[in-house]
Amino acid sequence: MATGHTHAVSTTKVFVWVWSFLVLLTFVEVFFAYRRMSLELMIVILLGLSVMKSALIMAYFMHLKFERLSLVMTLIPALVILICLMFISFPDSVRIHQLTPR
């Protein structure tokens, strides 16, 4: 007996496009990692790109795009805690960067 719930199924073409975009974002991250720019700007750019990549992975490869909103909303506090932990360790990374000989 069918329950009436429909589940949208992504095609292989969608997954290939998402995977290609993830590879492109990885190349952009590597490019910015080797650029000479201020450390703060580089970390903000790399963190932003990493959040984009993790959102794509969660939405398509973990199939959260098709889940109920309540399940997705449980992940938001985890993301906020993760970002707070990154900012807690941010001063240490700047200090270590300043201690390295140039």
Protein backbone atom coordinates (compact mmCIF):
# COMPACT_ATOMS: atom_id res chain seq x y z
CA MET A 1 0.00 0.00 0.00
CA ALA A 2 1.47 3.36 -0.99
CA THR A 3 1.59 6.06 1.67
CA GLY A 4 1.41 8.92 -0.76
CA HIS A 5 4.88 10.28 0.01
CA THR A 6 6.80 11.28 -3.04
CA HIS A 7 10.55 11.49 -3.14
CA ALA A 8 12.26 13.40 -5.91
CA VAL A 9 15.12 11.45 -7.37
CA SER A 10 18.15 13.20 -8.79
CA THR A 11 19.59 11.92 -11.98
CA THR A 12 23.20 10.98 -12.57
CA LYS A 13 23.56 14.16 -14.61
CA VAL A 14 22.77 16.29 -11.53
CA PHE A 15 25.32 14.40 -9.45
CA VAL A 16 27.99 14.82 -12.13
CA TRP A 17 27.31 18.57 -12.26
CA VAL A 18 27.50 18.86 -8.46
CA TRP A 19 30.69 16.79 -8.36
CA SER A 20 32.22 18.94 -11.12
CA PHE A 21 31.34 22.10 -9.20
CA LEU A 22 32.91 20.62 -6.05
CA VAL A 23 36.12 19.91 -7.99
CA LEU A 24 36.07 23.45 -9.34
CA LEU A 25 35.66 24.86 -5.82
CA THR A 26 38.59 22.72 -4.67
CA PHE A 27 40.79 24.16 -7.42
CA VAL A 28 39.71 27.67 -6.42
CA GLU A 29 40.63 26.88 -2.79
CA VAL A 30 44.06 25.63 -3.84
CA PHE A 31 44.54 28.74 -5.98
CA PHE A 32 43.72 31.05 -3.05
CA ALA A 33 45.89 29.01 -0.69
CA TYR A 34 48.97 29.83 -2.79
CA ARG A 35 48.11 33.51 -3.39
CA ARG A 36 49.94 36.23 -1.46
CA MET A 37 47.19 38.01 0.44
CA SER A 38 46.40 38.91 4.00
CA LEU A 39 45.90 35.89 6.20
CA GLU A 40 42.54 37.09 7.48
CA LEU A 41 41.13 37.54 3.97
CA MET A 42 42.45 34.17 2.84
CA ILE A 43 40.92 32.37 5.83
CA VAL A 44 37.55 34.07 5.30
CA ILE A 45 37.55 33.12 1.60
CA LEU A 46 38.59 29.53 2.30
CA LEU A 47 36.01 29.14 5.07
CA GLY A 48 33.29 30.52 2.82
CA LEU A 49 34.19 28.14 0.01
CA SER A 50 34.33 25.23 2.47
CA VAL A 51 30.85 26.05 3.78
CA MET A 52 29.58 26.11 0.18
CA LYS A 53 31.16 22.73 -0.50
CA SER A 54 29.77 21.18 2.66
CA ALA A 55 26.29 22.52 1.87
CA LEU A 56 26.42 20.96 -1.60
CA ILE A 57 27.62 17.64 -0.19
CA MET A 58 24.91 17.60 2.45
CA ALA A 59 22.18 18.65 0.03
CA TYR A 60 22.91 16.26 -2.82
CA PHE A 61 25.13 13.39 -1.69
CA MET A 62 23.54 13.03 1.76
CA HIS A 63 20.10 13.64 0.15
CA LEU A 64 19.13 16.34 2.65
CA LYS A 65 17.70 18.46 -0.15
CA PHE A 66 14.71 16.14 -0.19
CA GLU A 67 14.24 15.84 3.57
CA ARG A 68 11.77 17.66 5.78
CA LEU A 69 12.67 21.14 6.92
CA SER A 70 12.75 20.06 10.58
CA LEU A 71 15.59 17.61 9.89
CA VAL A 72 17.61 20.24 8.04
CA MET A 73 16.98 22.76 10.83
CA THR A 74 18.64 20.41 13.32
CA LEU A 75 21.89 20.85 11.41
CA ILE A 76 21.94 24.65 11.77
CA PRO A 77 22.98 24.62 15.48
CA ALA A 78 25.81 22.24 14.60
CA LEU A 79 26.97 24.65 11.89
CA VAL A 80 26.84 27.59 14.31
CA ILE A 81 28.87 25.66 16.90
CA LEU A 82 31.40 24.67 14.24
CA ILE A 83 31.85 28.26 13.10
CA CYS A 84 32.25 29.42 16.72
CA LEU A 85 34.93 26.77 17.29
CA MET A 86 36.75 27.91 14.18
CA PHE A 87 36.78 31.50 15.40
CA ILE A 88 38.05 30.33 18.79
CA SER A 89 41.06 28.72 17.11
CA PHE A 90 41.55 31.61 14.65
CA PRO A 91 43.82 33.71 16.98
CA ASP A 92 46.12 30.72 17.45
CA SER A 93 46.51 30.26 13.72
CA VAL A 94 47.41 33.94 13.32
CA ARG A 95 49.93 33.71 16.17
CA ILE A 96 51.55 30.60 14.68
CA HIS A 97 51.70 32.30 11.29
CA GLN A 98 53.45 35.32 12.85
CA LEU A 99 56.00 33.07 14.61
CA THR A 100 57.16 31.34 11.45
CA PRO A 101 60.41 32.73 10.05
CA ARG A 102 60.09 34.53 6.76
